[in-house]
Amino acid sequence: MKKLVLITIIAVFAIYPFSNASAQFAIPTYDQLLSGTSVTFEEEHPPGVSILEERDIIIVTNDTHLSSTASAKVLLYKKGSSAQYGPYTVIEDIPFEFNIDDDEWGVRIVENSTDCEISVWIE
């Protein structure tokens, strides 16, 4: 019995790092300090609610220091699909807009400057 419990615990911890059940941050997110690359933002439609229109995903970067300019390279992707767009470079205070359809979308940060804050929302 102890062996079975031990094996189960080891299996859970071995599989957990590879599960990508949800994004690190939801869309919308505002002024999120990026602590590294491979940060993801995803939207989730409420159950039973369908979006029937095209929209724009908007990304803006800011720097926490006035002496430098923030930038980030981003990939946009459609959840549950292989559709991926980018990488695009987003430069501080210049809004990046990308037209998306009614599916759920995500943003992955590929590269970013030091002390970069990012805001991601949909209009």
PDB file of N, CA and C in Angstrom:
ATOM      1  N   MET A   1       0.824  -1.185   0.000  1.00  0.00           N
ATOM      2  CA  MET A   1       0.000   0.000   0.000  1.00  0.00           C
ATOM      3  C   MET A   1       0.874   1.258   0.000  1.00  0.00           C
ATOM      4  N   LYS A   2       1.927   1.257   0.806  1.00  0.00           N
ATOM      5  CA  LYS A   2       2.833   2.400   0.864  1.00  0.00           C
ATOM      6  C   LYS A   2       3.507   2.623  -0.486  1.00  0.00           C
ATOM      7  N   LYS A   3       3.831   1.502  -1.152  1.00  0.00           N
ATOM      8  CA  LYS A   3       4.455   1.593  -2.461  1.00  0.00           C
ATOM      9  C   LYS A   3       3.520   2.268  -3.474  1.00  0.00           C
ATOM     10  N   LEU A   4       2.255   1.910  -3.448  1.00  0.00           N
ATOM     11  CA  LEU A   4       1.266   2.474  -4.359  1.00  0.00           C
ATOM     12  C   LEU A   4       1.107   3.972  -4.127  1.00  0.00           C
ATOM     13  N   VAL A   5       1.043   4.388  -2.890  1.00  0.00           N
ATOM     14  CA  VAL A   5       0.922   5.814  -2.566  1.00  0.00           C
ATOM     15  C   VAL A   5       2.157   6.562  -3.036  1.00  0.00           C
ATOM     16  N   LEU A   6       3.324   6.007  -2.791  1.00  0.00           N
ATOM     17  CA  LEU A   6       4.572   6.626  -3.205  1.00  0.00           C
ATOM     18  C   LEU A   6       4.645   6.759  -4.726  1.00  0.00           C
ATOM     19  N   ILE A   7       4.277   5.717  -5.441  1.00  0.00           N
ATOM     20  CA  ILE A   7       4.281   5.746  -6.910  1.00  0.00           C
ATOM     21  C   ILE A   7       3.292   6.788  -7.427  1.00  0.00           C
ATOM     22  N   THR A   8       2.128   6.888  -6.815  1.00  0.00           N
ATOM     23  CA  THR A   8       1.129   7.874  -7.220  1.00  0.00           C
ATOM     24  C   THR A   8       1.660   9.287  -7.017  1.00  0.00           C
ATOM     25  N   ILE A   9       2.272   9.542  -5.895  1.00  0.00           N
ATOM     26  CA  ILE A   9       2.824  10.876  -5.617  1.00  0.00           C
ATOM     27  C   ILE A   9       3.926  11.220  -6.611  1.00  0.00           C
ATOM     28  N   ILE A  10       4.803  10.290  -6.883  1.00  0.00           N
ATOM     29  CA  ILE A  10       5.878  10.526  -7.844  1.00  0.00           C
ATOM     30  C   ILE A  10       5.298  10.793  -9.227  1.00  0.00           C
ATOM     31  N   ALA A  11       4.299  10.035  -9.630  1.00  0.00           N
ATOM     32  CA  ALA A  11       3.676  10.231 -10.945  1.00  0.00           C
ATOM     33  C   ALA A  11       3.041  11.614 -11.063  1.00  0.00           C
ATOM     34  N   VAL A  12       2.354  12.047 -10.024  1.00  0.00           N
ATOM     35  CA  VAL A  12       1.714  13.374 -10.055  1.00  0.00           C
ATOM     36  C   VAL A  12       2.764  14.460 -10.210  1.00  0.00           C
ATOM     37  N   PHE A  13       3.844  14.399  -9.438  1.00  0.00           N
ATOM     38  CA  PHE A  13       4.883  15.421  -9.531  1.00  0.00           C
ATOM     39  C   PHE A  13       5.669  15.330 -10.831  1.00  0.00           C
ATOM     40  N   ALA A  14       5.749  14.166 -11.438  1.00  0.00           N
ATOM     41  CA  ALA A  14       6.439  14.023 -12.716  1.00  0.00           C
ATOM     42  C   ALA A  14       5.614  14.584 -13.860  1.00  0.00           C
ATOM     43  N   ILE A  15       4.306  14.453 -13.793  1.00  0.00           N
ATOM     44  CA  ILE A  15       3.425  14.914 -14.870  1.00  0.00           C
ATOM     45  C   ILE A  15       3.089  16.390 -14.729  1.00  0.00           C
ATOM     46  N   TYR A  16       2.978  16.906 -13.527  1.00  0.00           N
ATOM     47  CA  TYR A  16       2.522  18.277 -13.270  1.00  0.00           C
ATOM     48  C   TYR A  16       3.271  19.350 -14.060  1.00  0.00           C
ATOM     49  N   PRO A  17       4.618  19.341 -14.134  1.00  0.00           N
ATOM     50  CA  PRO A  17       5.304  20.409 -14.864  1.00  0.00           C
ATOM     51  C   PRO A  17       4.973  20.451 -16.351  1.00  0.00           C
ATOM     52  N   PHE A  18       4.512  19.321 -16.897  1.00  0.00           N
ATOM     53  CA  PHE A  18       4.224  19.274 -18.323  1.00  0.00           C
ATOM     54  C   PHE A  18       2.773  19.614 -18.649  1.00  0.00           C
ATOM     55  N   SER A  19       1.951  19.769 -17.650  1.00  0.00           N
ATOM     56  CA  SER A  19       0.556  20.113 -17.918  1.00  0.00           C
ATOM     57  C   SER A  19       0.449  21.603 -18.133  1.00  0.00           C
ATOM     58  N   ASN A  20      -0.269  22.001 -19.180  1.00  0.00           N
ATOM     59  CA  ASN A  20      -0.441  23.412 -19.501  1.00  0.00           C
ATOM     60  C   ASN A  20      -1.925  23.703 -19.453  1.00  0.00           C
ATOM     61  N   ALA A  21      -2.521  23.557 -18.294  1.00  0.00           N
ATOM     62  CA  ALA A  21      -3.957  23.648 -18.147  1.00  0.00           C
ATOM     63  C   ALA A  21      -4.474  25.065 -18.327  1.00  0.00           C
ATOM     64  N   SER A  22      -3.696  26.042 -17.922  1.00  0.00           N
ATOM     65  CA  SER A  22      -4.162  27.414 -18.069  1.00  0.00           C
ATOM     66  C   SER A  22      -2.984  28.350 -18.208  1.00  0.00           C
ATOM     67  N   ALA A  23      -3.292  29.557 -18.639  1.00  0.00           N
ATOM     68  CA  ALA A  23      -2.265  30.571 -18.820  1.00  0.00           C
ATOM     69  C   ALA A  23      -1.804  31.096 -17.471  1.00  0.00           C
ATOM     70  N   GLN A  24      -0.674  31.785 -17.494  1.00  0.00           N
ATOM     71  CA  GLN A  24      -0.192  32.410 -16.272  1.00  0.00           C
ATOM     72  C   GLN A  24      -1.045  33.617 -15.913  1.00  0.00           C
ATOM     73  N   PHE A  25      -1.537  34.336 -16.925  1.00  0.00           N
ATOM     74  CA  PHE A  25      -2.339  35.533 -16.698  1.00  0.00           C
ATOM     75  C   PHE A  25      -3.538  35.532 -17.637  1.00  0.00           C
ATOM     76  N   ALA A  26      -4.625  36.113 -17.170  1.00  0.00           N
ATOM     77  CA  ALA A  26      -5.839  36.202 -17.976  1.00  0.00           C
ATOM     78  C   ALA A  26      -5.804  37.473 -18.829  1.00  0.00           C
ATOM     79  N   ILE A  27      -6.582  37.468 -19.877  1.00  0.00           N
ATOM     80  CA  ILE A  27      -6.829  38.684 -20.647  1.00  0.00           C
ATOM     81  C   ILE A  27      -8.199  39.173 -20.219  1.00  0.00           C
ATOM     82  N   PRO A  28      -8.352  40.366 -19.725  1.00  0.00           N
ATOM     83  CA  PRO A  28      -7.383  41.465 -19.698  1.00  0.00           C
ATOM     84  C   PRO A  28      -6.457  41.409 -18.495  1.00  0.00           C
ATOM     85  N   THR A  29      -5.250  41.929 -18.686  1.00  0.00           N
ATOM     86  CA  THR A  29      -4.273  42.135 -17.623  1.00  0.00           C
ATOM     87  C   THR A  29      -3.629  43.490 -17.879  1.00  0.00           C
ATOM     88  N   TYR A  30      -3.435  44.260 -16.828  1.00  0.00           N
ATOM     89  CA  TYR A  30      -2.881  45.605 -16.977  1.00  0.00           C
ATOM     90  C   TYR A  30      -1.628  45.759 -16.117  1.00  0.00           C
ATOM     91  N   ASP A  31      -0.588  46.373 -16.701  1.00  0.00           N
ATOM     92  CA  ASP A  31       0.653  46.730 -15.998  1.00  0.00           C
ATOM     93  C   ASP A  31       1.284  45.546 -15.272  1.00  0.00           C
ATOM     94  N   GLN A  32       1.365  44.416 -15.959  1.00  0.00           N
ATOM     95  CA  GLN A  32       1.994  43.224 -15.383  1.00  0.00           C
ATOM     96  C   GLN A  32       3.491  43.273 -15.630  1.00  0.00           C
ATOM     97  N   LEU A  33       4.282  43.277 -14.555  1.00  0.00           N
ATOM     98  CA  LEU A  33       5.734  43.264 -14.679  1.00  0.00           C
ATOM     99  C   LEU A  33       6.162  41.886 -15.176  1.00  0.00           C
ATOM    100  N   LEU A  34       6.920  41.864 -16.265  1.00  0.00           N
ATOM    101  CA  LEU A  34       7.374  40.602 -16.836  1.00  0.00           C
ATOM    102  C   LEU A  34       8.632  40.154 -16.124  1.00  0.00           C
ATOM    103  N   SER A  35       8.629  38.938 -15.647  1.00  0.00           N
ATOM    104  CA  SER A  35       9.767  38.416 -14.899  1.00  0.00           C
ATOM    105  C   SER A  35      10.602  37.455 -15.739  1.00  0.00           C
ATOM    106  N   GLY A  36      10.334  37.391 -17.009  1.00  0.00           N
ATOM    107  CA  GLY A  36      11.085  36.499 -17.886  1.00  0.00           C
ATOM    108  C   GLY A  36      10.303  36.225 -19.148  1.00  0.00           C
ATOM    109  N   THR A  37      10.834  35.363 -19.979  1.00  0.00           N
ATOM    110  CA  THR A  37      10.137  35.020 -21.214  1.00  0.00           C
ATOM    111  C   THR A  37       9.215  33.831 -20.972  1.00  0.00           C
ATOM    112  N   SER A  38       8.514  33.461 -21.985  1.00  0.00           N
ATOM    113  CA  SER A  38       7.539  32.371 -21.956  1.00  0.00           C
ATOM    114  C   SER A  38       6.377  32.661 -21.010  1.00  0.00           C
ATOM    115  N   VAL A  39       6.087  33.931 -20.824  1.00  0.00           N
ATOM    116  CA  VAL A  39       4.914  34.332 -20.051  1.00  0.00           C
ATOM    117  C   VAL A  39       3.728  34.299 -21.005  1.00  0.00           C
ATOM    118  N   THR A  40       2.590  33.772 -20.554  1.00  0.00           N
ATOM    119  CA  THR A  40       1.418  33.687 -21.415  1.00  0.00           C
ATOM    120  C   THR A  40       0.224  34.413 -20.811  1.00  0.00           C
ATOM    121  N   PHE A  41      -0.581  34.953 -21.702  1.00  0.00           N
ATOM    122  CA  PHE A  41      -1.845  35.600 -21.363  1.00  0.00           C
ATOM    123  C   PHE A  41      -2.903  34.944 -22.244  1.00  0.00           C
ATOM    124  N   GLU A  42      -4.043  34.550 -21.678  1.00  0.00           N
ATOM    125  CA  GLU A  42      -5.106  33.929 -22.479  1.00  0.00           C
ATOM    126  C   GLU A  42      -6.463  34.448 -22.065  1.00  0.00           C
ATOM    127  N   GLU A  43      -7.349  34.538 -23.048  1.00  0.00           N
ATOM    128  CA  GLU A  43      -8.728  34.884 -22.733  1.00  0.00           C
ATOM    129  C   GLU A  43      -9.528  33.605 -22.580  1.00  0.00           C
ATOM    130  N   GLU A  44     -10.557  33.677 -21.777  1.00  0.00           N
ATOM    131  CA  GLU A  44     -11.465  32.551 -21.609  1.00  0.00           C
ATOM    132  C   GLU A  44     -12.884  33.073 -21.675  1.00  0.00           C
ATOM    133  N   HIS A  45     -13.624  32.565 -22.636  1.00  0.00           N
ATOM    134  CA  HIS A  45     -15.031  32.944 -22.732  1.00  0.00           C
ATOM    135  C   HIS A  45     -15.816  32.247 -21.622  1.00  0.00           C
ATOM    136  N   PRO A  46     -16.741  32.954 -20.997  1.00  0.00           N
ATOM    137  CA  PRO A  46     -17.581  32.299 -19.987  1.00  0.00           C
ATOM    138  C   PRO A  46     -18.376  31.159 -20.635  1.00  0.00           C
ATOM    139  N   PRO A  47     -18.615  30.061 -19.911  1.00  0.00           N
ATOM    140  CA  PRO A  47     -19.371  28.942 -20.477  1.00  0.00           C
ATOM    141  C   PRO A  47     -20.748  29.402 -20.961  1.00  0.00           C
ATOM    142  N   GLY A  48     -21.107  28.964 -22.140  1.00  0.00           N
ATOM    143  CA  GLY A  48     -22.422  29.274 -22.691  1.00  0.00           C
ATOM    144  C   GLY A  48     -22.512  30.627 -23.378  1.00  0.00           C
ATOM    145  N   VAL A  49     -21.425  31.407 -23.350  1.00  0.00           N
ATOM    146  CA  VAL A  49     -21.425  32.727 -23.989  1.00  0.00           C
ATOM    147  C   VAL A  49     -20.607  32.631 -25.259  1.00  0.00           C
ATOM    148  N   SER A  50     -21.208  33.022 -26.401  1.00  0.00           N
ATOM    149  CA  SER A  50     -20.459  33.037 -27.647  1.00  0.00           C
ATOM    150  C   SER A  50     -20.225  34.472 -28.091  1.00  0.00           C
ATOM    151  N   ILE A  51     -19.054  34.698 -28.614  1.00  0.00           N
ATOM    152  CA  ILE A  51     -18.679  35.998 -29.160  1.00  0.00           C
ATOM    153  C   ILE A  51     -18.858  35.872 -30.665  1.00  0.00           C
ATOM    154  N   LEU A  52     -19.653  36.739 -31.246  1.00  0.00           N
ATOM    155  CA  LEU A  52     -19.973  36.608 -32.671  1.00  0.00           C
ATOM    156  C   LEU A  52     -19.446  37.776 -33.494  1.00  0.00           C
ATOM    157  N   GLU A  53     -18.320  38.311 -33.108  1.00  0.00           N
ATOM    158  CA  GLU A  53     -17.792  39.448 -33.842  1.00  0.00           C
ATOM    159  C   GLU A  53     -16.274  39.428 -33.819  1.00  0.00           C
ATOM    160  N   GLU A  54     -15.700  40.103 -34.811  1.00  0.00           N
ATOM    161  CA  GLU A  54     -14.258  40.284 -34.801  1.00  0.00           C
ATOM    162  C   GLU A  54     -13.920  41.357 -33.783  1.00  0.00           C
ATOM    163  N   ARG A  55     -12.733  41.231 -33.205  1.00  0.00           N
ATOM    164  CA  ARG A  55     -12.299  42.168 -32.180  1.00  0.00           C
ATOM    165  C   ARG A  55     -10.831  42.489 -32.399  1.00  0.00           C
ATOM    166  N   ASP A  56     -10.318  43.397 -31.616  1.00  0.00           N
ATOM    167  CA  ASP A  56      -8.895  43.716 -31.653  1.00  0.00           C
ATOM    168  C   ASP A  56      -8.274  43.355 -30.317  1.00  0.00           C
ATOM    169  N   ILE A  57      -7.136  42.668 -30.384  1.00  0.00           N
ATOM    170  CA  ILE A  57      -6.354  42.439 -29.179  1.00  0.00           C
ATOM    171  C   ILE A  57      -5.318  43.554 -29.143  1.00  0.00           C
ATOM    172  N   ILE A  58      -5.179  44.208 -28.013  1.00  0.00           N
ATOM    173  CA  ILE A  58      -4.297  45.368 -27.887  1.00  0.00           C
ATOM    174  C   ILE A  58      -3.238  45.068 -26.829  1.00  0.00           C
ATOM    175  N   ILE A  59      -1.990  45.375 -27.177  1.00  0.00           N
ATOM    176  CA  ILE A  59      -0.858  45.133 -26.285  1.00  0.00           C
ATOM    177  C   ILE A  59      -0.060  46.426 -26.179  1.00  0.00           C
ATOM    178  N   VAL A  60       0.255  46.825 -24.948  1.00  0.00           N
ATOM    179  CA  VAL A  60       1.045  48.028 -24.698  1.00  0.00           C
ATOM    180  C   VAL A  60       2.128  47.689 -23.683  1.00  0.00           C
ATOM    181  N   THR A  61       3.355  48.160 -23.939  1.00  0.00           N
ATOM    182  CA  THR A  61       4.437  47.976 -22.981  1.00  0.00           C
ATOM    183  C   THR A  61       4.813  49.311 -22.352  1.00  0.00           C
ATOM    184  N   ASN A  62       5.276  49.257 -21.123  1.00  0.00           N
ATOM    185  CA  ASN A  62       5.786  50.418 -20.396  1.00  0.00           C
ATOM    186  C   ASN A  62       7.036  49.992 -19.652  1.00  0.00           C
ATOM    187  N   ASP A  63       7.875  50.953 -19.330  1.00  0.00           N
ATOM    188  CA  ASP A  63       9.091  50.681 -18.583  1.00  0.00           C
ATOM    189  C   ASP A  63       8.973  51.303 -17.203  1.00  0.00           C
ATOM    190  N   THR A  64       9.471  50.614 -16.205  1.00  0.00           N
ATOM    191  CA  THR A  64       9.404  51.137 -14.840  1.00  0.00           C
ATOM    192  C   THR A  64      10.481  52.199 -14.595  1.00  0.00           C
ATOM    193  N   HIS A  65      11.445  52.328 -15.514  1.00  0.00           N
ATOM    194  CA  HIS A  65      12.497  53.348 -15.410  1.00  0.00           C
ATOM    195  C   HIS A  65      12.349  54.338 -16.557  1.00  0.00           C
ATOM    196  N   LEU A  66      12.501  55.611 -16.263  1.00  0.00           N
ATOM    197  CA  LEU A  66      12.358  56.642 -17.293  1.00  0.00           C
ATOM    198  C   LEU A  66      13.546  56.684 -18.247  1.00  0.00           C
ATOM    199  N   SER A  67      14.669  56.099 -17.856  1.00  0.00           N
ATOM    200  CA  SER A  67      15.885  56.193 -18.660  1.00  0.00           C
ATOM    201  C   SER A  67      15.960  55.166 -19.795  1.00  0.00           C
ATOM    202  N   SER A  68      15.022  54.254 -19.873  1.00  0.00           N
ATOM    203  CA  SER A  68      15.074  53.237 -20.921  1.00  0.00           C
ATOM    204  C   SER A  68      13.706  53.063 -21.574  1.00  0.00           C
ATOM    205  N   THR A  69      13.698  52.343 -22.679  1.00  0.00           N
ATOM    206  CA  THR A  69      12.472  52.108 -23.432  1.00  0.00           C
ATOM    207  C   THR A  69      12.131  50.621 -23.391  1.00  0.00           C
ATOM    208  N   ALA A  70      10.910  50.315 -23.006  1.00  0.00           N
ATOM    209  CA  ALA A  70      10.478  48.916 -22.912  1.00  0.00           C
ATOM    210  C   ALA A  70      10.093  48.379 -24.278  1.00  0.00           C
ATOM    211  N   SER A  71      10.346  47.099 -24.469  1.00  0.00           N
ATOM    212  CA  SER A  71       9.889  46.427 -25.682  1.00  0.00           C
ATOM    213  C   SER A  71       9.695  44.949 -25.370  1.00  0.00           C
ATOM    214  N   ALA A  72       8.858  44.318 -26.177  1.00  0.00           N
ATOM    215  CA  ALA A  72       8.611  42.886 -26.020  1.00  0.00           C
ATOM    216  C   ALA A  72       8.319  42.281 -27.388  1.00  0.00           C
ATOM    217  N   LYS A  73       8.807  41.068 -27.605  1.00  0.00           N
ATOM    218  CA  LYS A  73       8.435  40.291 -28.794  1.00  0.00           C
ATOM    219  C   LYS A  73       7.326  39.356 -28.364  1.00  0.00           C
ATOM    220  N   VAL A  74       6.232  39.372 -29.127  1.00  0.00           N
ATOM    221  CA  VAL A  74       5.058  38.588 -28.747  1.00  0.00           C
ATOM    222  C   VAL A  74       4.615  37.693 -29.901  1.00  0.00           C
ATOM    223  N   LEU A  75       4.059  36.539 -29.532  1.00  0.00           N
ATOM    224  CA  LEU A  75       3.386  35.647 -30.477  1.00  0.00           C
ATOM    225  C   LEU A  75       1.909  35.643 -30.109  1.00  0.00           C
ATOM    226  N   LEU A  76       1.038  35.710 -31.085  1.00  0.00           N
ATOM    227  CA  LEU A  76      -0.388  35.576 -30.850  1.00  0.00           C
ATOM    228  C   LEU A  76      -0.815  34.214 -31.365  1.00  0.00           C
ATOM    229  N   TYR A  77      -1.701  33.552 -30.625  1.00  0.00           N
ATOM    230  CA  TYR A  77      -2.125  32.227 -31.047  1.00  0.00           C
ATOM    231  C   TYR A  77      -3.604  32.021 -30.724  1.00  0.00           C
ATOM    232  N   LYS A  78      -4.222  31.200 -31.556  1.00  0.00           N
ATOM    233  CA  LYS A  78      -5.618  30.822 -31.348  1.00  0.00           C
ATOM    234  C   LYS A  78      -5.628  29.559 -30.503  1.00  0.00           C
ATOM    235  N   LYS A  79      -6.328  29.609 -29.367  1.00  0.00           N
ATOM    236  CA  LYS A  79      -6.371  28.455 -28.475  1.00  0.00           C
ATOM    237  C   LYS A  79      -7.041  27.272 -29.173  1.00  0.00           C
ATOM    238  N   GLY A  80      -6.501  26.086 -28.952  1.00  0.00           N
ATOM    239  CA  GLY A  80      -7.074  24.878 -29.528  1.00  0.00           C
ATOM    240  C   GLY A  80      -6.820  24.742 -31.016  1.00  0.00           C
ATOM    241  N   SER A  81      -5.853  25.477 -31.532  1.00  0.00           N
ATOM    242  CA  SER A  81      -5.563  25.470 -32.954  1.00  0.00           C
ATOM    243  C   SER A  81      -4.053  25.604 -33.131  1.00  0.00           C
ATOM    244  N   SER A  82      -3.585  25.347 -34.340  1.00  0.00           N
ATOM    245  CA  SER A  82      -2.167  25.548 -34.618  1.00  0.00           C
ATOM    246  C   SER A  82      -1.894  26.947 -35.165  1.00  0.00           C
ATOM    247  N   ALA A  83      -2.936  27.785 -35.282  1.00  0.00           N
ATOM    248  CA  ALA A  83      -2.773  29.144 -35.814  1.00  0.00           C
ATOM    249  C   ALA A  83      -1.917  29.969 -34.854  1.00  0.00           C
ATOM    250  N   GLN A  84      -0.839  30.516 -35.394  1.00  0.00           N
ATOM    251  CA  GLN A  84       0.083  31.314 -34.603  1.00  0.00           C
ATOM    252  C   GLN A  84       0.584  32.461 -35.479  1.00  0.00           C
ATOM    253  N   TYR A  85       0.690  33.653 -34.922  1.00  0.00           N
ATOM    254  CA  TYR A  85       1.100  34.826 -35.679  1.00  0.00           C
ATOM    255  C   TYR A  85       2.216  35.552 -34.936  1.00  0.00           C
ATOM    256  N   GLY A  86       3.213  35.993 -35.682  1.00  0.00           N
ATOM    257  CA  GLY A  86       4.311  36.726 -35.081  1.00  0.00           C
ATOM    258  C   GLY A  86       5.612  35.966 -35.250  1.00  0.00           C
ATOM    259  N   PRO A  87       6.646  36.379 -34.573  1.00  0.00           N
ATOM    260  CA  PRO A  87       6.648  37.341 -33.477  1.00  0.00           C
ATOM    261  C   PRO A  87       6.570  38.786 -33.974  1.00  0.00           C
ATOM    262  N   TYR A  88       5.900  39.607 -33.180  1.00  0.00           N
ATOM    263  CA  TYR A  88       5.792  41.035 -33.410  1.00  0.00           C
ATOM    264  C   TYR A  88       6.512  41.750 -32.272  1.00  0.00           C
ATOM    265  N   THR A  89       7.141  42.874 -32.583  1.00  0.00           N
ATOM    266  CA  THR A  89       7.801  43.669 -31.558  1.00  0.00           C
ATOM    267  C   THR A  89       6.879  44.792 -31.131  1.00  0.00           C
ATOM    268  N   VAL A  90       6.631  44.872 -29.833  1.00  0.00           N
ATOM    269  CA  VAL A  90       5.795  45.922 -29.256  1.00  0.00           C
ATOM    270  C   VAL A  90       6.725  46.880 -28.521  1.00  0.00           C
ATOM    271  N   ILE A  91       6.687  48.158 -28.915  1.00  0.00           N
ATOM    272  CA  ILE A  91       7.578  49.165 -28.343  1.00  0.00           C
ATOM    273  C   ILE A  91       6.790  50.061 -27.395  1.00  0.00           C
ATOM    274  N   GLU A  92       7.447  50.516 -26.356  1.00  0.00           N
ATOM    275  CA  GLU A  92       6.825  51.303 -25.290  1.00  0.00           C
ATOM    276  C   GLU A  92       5.931  52.420 -25.822  1.00  0.00           C
ATOM    277  N   ASP A  93       4.740  52.491 -25.243  1.00  0.00           N
ATOM    278  CA  ASP A  93       3.739  53.533 -25.502  1.00  0.00           C
ATOM    279  C   ASP A  93       3.199  53.569 -26.935  1.00  0.00           C
ATOM    280  N   ILE A  94       3.504  52.557 -27.731  1.00  0.00           N
ATOM    281  CA  ILE A  94       2.917  52.449 -29.068  1.00  0.00           C
ATOM    282  C   ILE A  94       2.005  51.230 -29.046  1.00  0.00           C
ATOM    283  N   PRO A  95       0.693  51.433 -28.979  1.00  0.00           N
ATOM    284  CA  PRO A  95      -0.226  50.291 -28.896  1.00  0.00           C
ATOM    285  C   PRO A  95      -0.108  49.385 -30.128  1.00  0.00           C
ATOM    286  N   PHE A  96       0.004  48.101 -29.881  1.00  0.00           N
ATOM    287  CA  PHE A  96       0.001  47.094 -30.938  1.00  0.00           C
ATOM    288  C   PHE A  96      -1.413  46.536 -31.007  1.00  0.00           C
ATOM    289  N   GLU A  97      -2.026  46.577 -32.191  1.00  0.00           N
ATOM    290  CA  GLU A  97      -3.385  46.064 -32.370  1.00  0.00           C
ATOM    291  C   GLU A  97      -3.369  44.962 -33.414  1.00  0.00           C
ATOM    292  N   PHE A  98      -4.118  43.889 -33.119  1.00  0.00           N
ATOM    293  CA  PHE A  98      -4.210  42.759 -34.028  1.00  0.00           C
ATOM    294  C   PHE A  98      -5.666  42.314 -34.070  1.00  0.00           C
ATOM    295  N   ASN A  99      -6.227  42.233 -35.274  1.00  0.00           N
ATOM    296  CA  ASN A  99      -7.623  41.838 -35.441  1.00  0.00           C
ATOM    297  C   ASN A  99      -7.761  40.336 -35.240  1.00  0.00           C
ATOM    298  N   ILE A 100      -8.694  39.933 -34.358  1.00  0.00           N
ATOM    299  CA  ILE A 100      -8.925  38.515 -34.076  1.00  0.00           C
ATOM    300  C   ILE A 100     -10.390  38.170 -34.314  1.00  0.00           C
ATOM    301  N   ASP A 101     -10.656  36.884 -34.489  1.00  0.00           N
ATOM    302  CA  ASP A 101     -12.032  36.433 -34.700  1.00  0.00           C
ATOM    303  C   ASP A 101     -12.691  36.114 -33.362  1.00  0.00           C
ATOM    304  N   ASP A 102     -13.789  35.380 -33.410  1.00  0.00           N
ATOM    305  CA  ASP A 102     -14.591  35.122 -32.205  1.00  0.00           C
ATOM    306  C   ASP A 102     -14.088  33.956 -31.354  1.00  0.00           C
ATOM    307  N   ASP A 103     -12.979  33.327 -31.739  1.00  0.00           N
ATOM    308  CA  ASP A 103     -12.417  32.247 -30.928  1.00  0.00           C
ATOM    309  C   ASP A 103     -11.651  32.804 -29.735  1.00  0.00           C
ATOM    310  N   GLU A 104     -11.168  31.910 -28.875  1.00  0.00           N
ATOM    311  CA  GLU A 104     -10.347  32.325 -27.744  1.00  0.00           C
ATOM    312  C   GLU A 104      -8.896  32.447 -28.206  1.00  0.00           C
ATOM    313  N   TRP A 105      -8.223  33.506 -27.745  1.00  0.00           N
ATOM    314  CA  TRP A 105      -6.865  33.808 -28.184  1.00  0.00           C
ATOM    315  C   TRP A 105      -5.923  33.931 -27.002  1.00  0.00           C
ATOM    316  N   GLY A 106      -4.637  33.845 -27.303  1.00  0.00           N
ATOM    317  CA  GLY A 106      -3.611  34.001 -26.294  1.00  0.00           C
ATOM    318  C   GLY A 106      -2.426  34.771 -26.829  1.00  0.00           C
ATOM    319  N   VAL A 107      -1.610  35.267 -25.896  1.00  0.00           N
ATOM    320  CA  VAL A 107      -0.389  36.002 -26.221  1.00  0.00           C
ATOM    321  C   VAL A 107       0.743  35.354 -25.440  1.00  0.00           C
ATOM    322  N   ARG A 108       1.835  35.055 -26.126  1.00  0.00           N
ATOM    323  CA  ARG A 108       3.027  34.492 -25.467  1.00  0.00           C
ATOM    324  C   ARG A 108       4.167  35.494 -25.641  1.00  0.00           C
ATOM    325  N   ILE A 109       4.822  35.833 -24.542  1.00  0.00           N
ATOM    326  CA  ILE A 109       5.972  36.729 -24.591  1.00  0.00           C
ATOM    327  C   ILE A 109       7.197  35.889 -24.919  1.00  0.00           C
ATOM    328  N   VAL A 110       7.869  36.221 -26.021  1.00  0.00           N
ATOM    329  CA  VAL A 110       9.031  35.463 -26.468  1.00  0.00           C
ATOM    330  C   VAL A 110      10.310  36.082 -25.918  1.00  0.00           C
ATOM    331  N   GLU A 111      10.317  37.408 -25.857  1.00  0.00           N
ATOM    332  CA  GLU A 111      11.503  38.133 -25.404  1.00  0.00           C
ATOM    333  C   GLU A 111      11.032  39.487 -24.890  1.00  0.00           C
ATOM    334  N   ASN A 112      11.703  40.017 -23.867  1.00  0.00           N
ATOM    335  CA  ASN A 112      11.326  41.344 -23.373  1.00  0.00           C
ATOM    336  C   ASN A 112      12.519  42.046 -22.752  1.00  0.00           C
ATOM    337  N   SER A 113      12.442  43.378 -22.727  1.00  0.00           N
ATOM    338  CA  SER A 113      13.489  44.176 -22.101  1.00  0.00           C
ATOM    339  C   SER A 113      13.358  44.087 -20.586  1.00  0.00           C
ATOM    340  N   THR A 114      14.388  44.492 -19.897  1.00  0.00           N
ATOM    341  CA  THR A 114      14.383  44.483 -18.438  1.00  0.00           C
ATOM    342  C   THR A 114      13.366  45.500 -17.921  1.00  0.00           C
ATOM    343  N   ASP A 115      12.711  45.183 -16.820  1.00  0.00           N
ATOM    344  CA  ASP A 115      11.738  46.075 -16.179  1.00  0.00           C
ATOM    345  C   ASP A 115      10.588  46.462 -17.102  1.00  0.00           C
ATOM    346  N   CYS A 116      10.175  45.541 -17.928  1.00  0.00           N
ATOM    347  CA  CYS A 116       9.081  45.777 -18.867  1.00  0.00           C
ATOM    348  C   CYS A 116       7.749  45.392 -18.225  1.00  0.00           C
ATOM    349  N   GLU A 117       6.793  46.308 -18.278  1.00  0.00           N
ATOM    350  CA  GLU A 117       5.419  46.022 -17.872  1.00  0.00           C
ATOM    351  C   GLU A 117       4.578  45.923 -19.127  1.00  0.00           C
ATOM    352  N   ILE A 118       3.594  45.034 -19.088  1.00  0.00           N
ATOM    353  CA  ILE A 118       2.767  44.837 -20.269  1.00  0.00           C
ATOM    354  C   ILE A 118       1.288  44.836 -19.873  1.00  0.00           C
ATOM    355  N   SER A 119       0.488  45.382 -20.772  1.00  0.00           N
ATOM    356  CA  SER A 119      -0.966  45.346 -20.629  1.00  0.00           C
ATOM    357  C   SER A 119      -1.522  44.688 -21.889  1.00  0.00           C
ATOM    358  N   VAL A 120      -2.485  43.770 -21.690  1.00  0.00           N
ATOM    359  CA  VAL A 120      -3.103  43.049 -22.801  1.00  0.00           C
ATOM    360  C   VAL A 120      -4.603  43.077 -22.574  1.00  0.00           C
ATOM    361  N   TRP A 121      -5.364  43.574 -23.566  1.00  0.00           N
ATOM    362  CA  TRP A 121      -6.820  43.566 -23.461  1.00  0.00           C
ATOM    363  C   TRP A 121      -7.434  43.444 -24.841  1.00  0.00           C
ATOM    364  N   ILE A 122      -8.742  43.235 -24.869  1.00  0.00           N
ATOM    365  CA  ILE A 122      -9.481  43.051 -26.118  1.00  0.00           C
ATOM    366  C   ILE A 122     -10.595  44.074 -26.189  1.00  0.00           C
ATOM    367  N   GLU A 123     -10.727  44.697 -27.340  1.00  0.00           N
ATOM    368  CA  GLU A 123     -11.826  45.649 -27.591  1.00  0.00           C
ATOM    369  C   GLU A 123     -12.649  45.189 -28.765  1.00  0.00           C
TER     370      GLU A 123
END
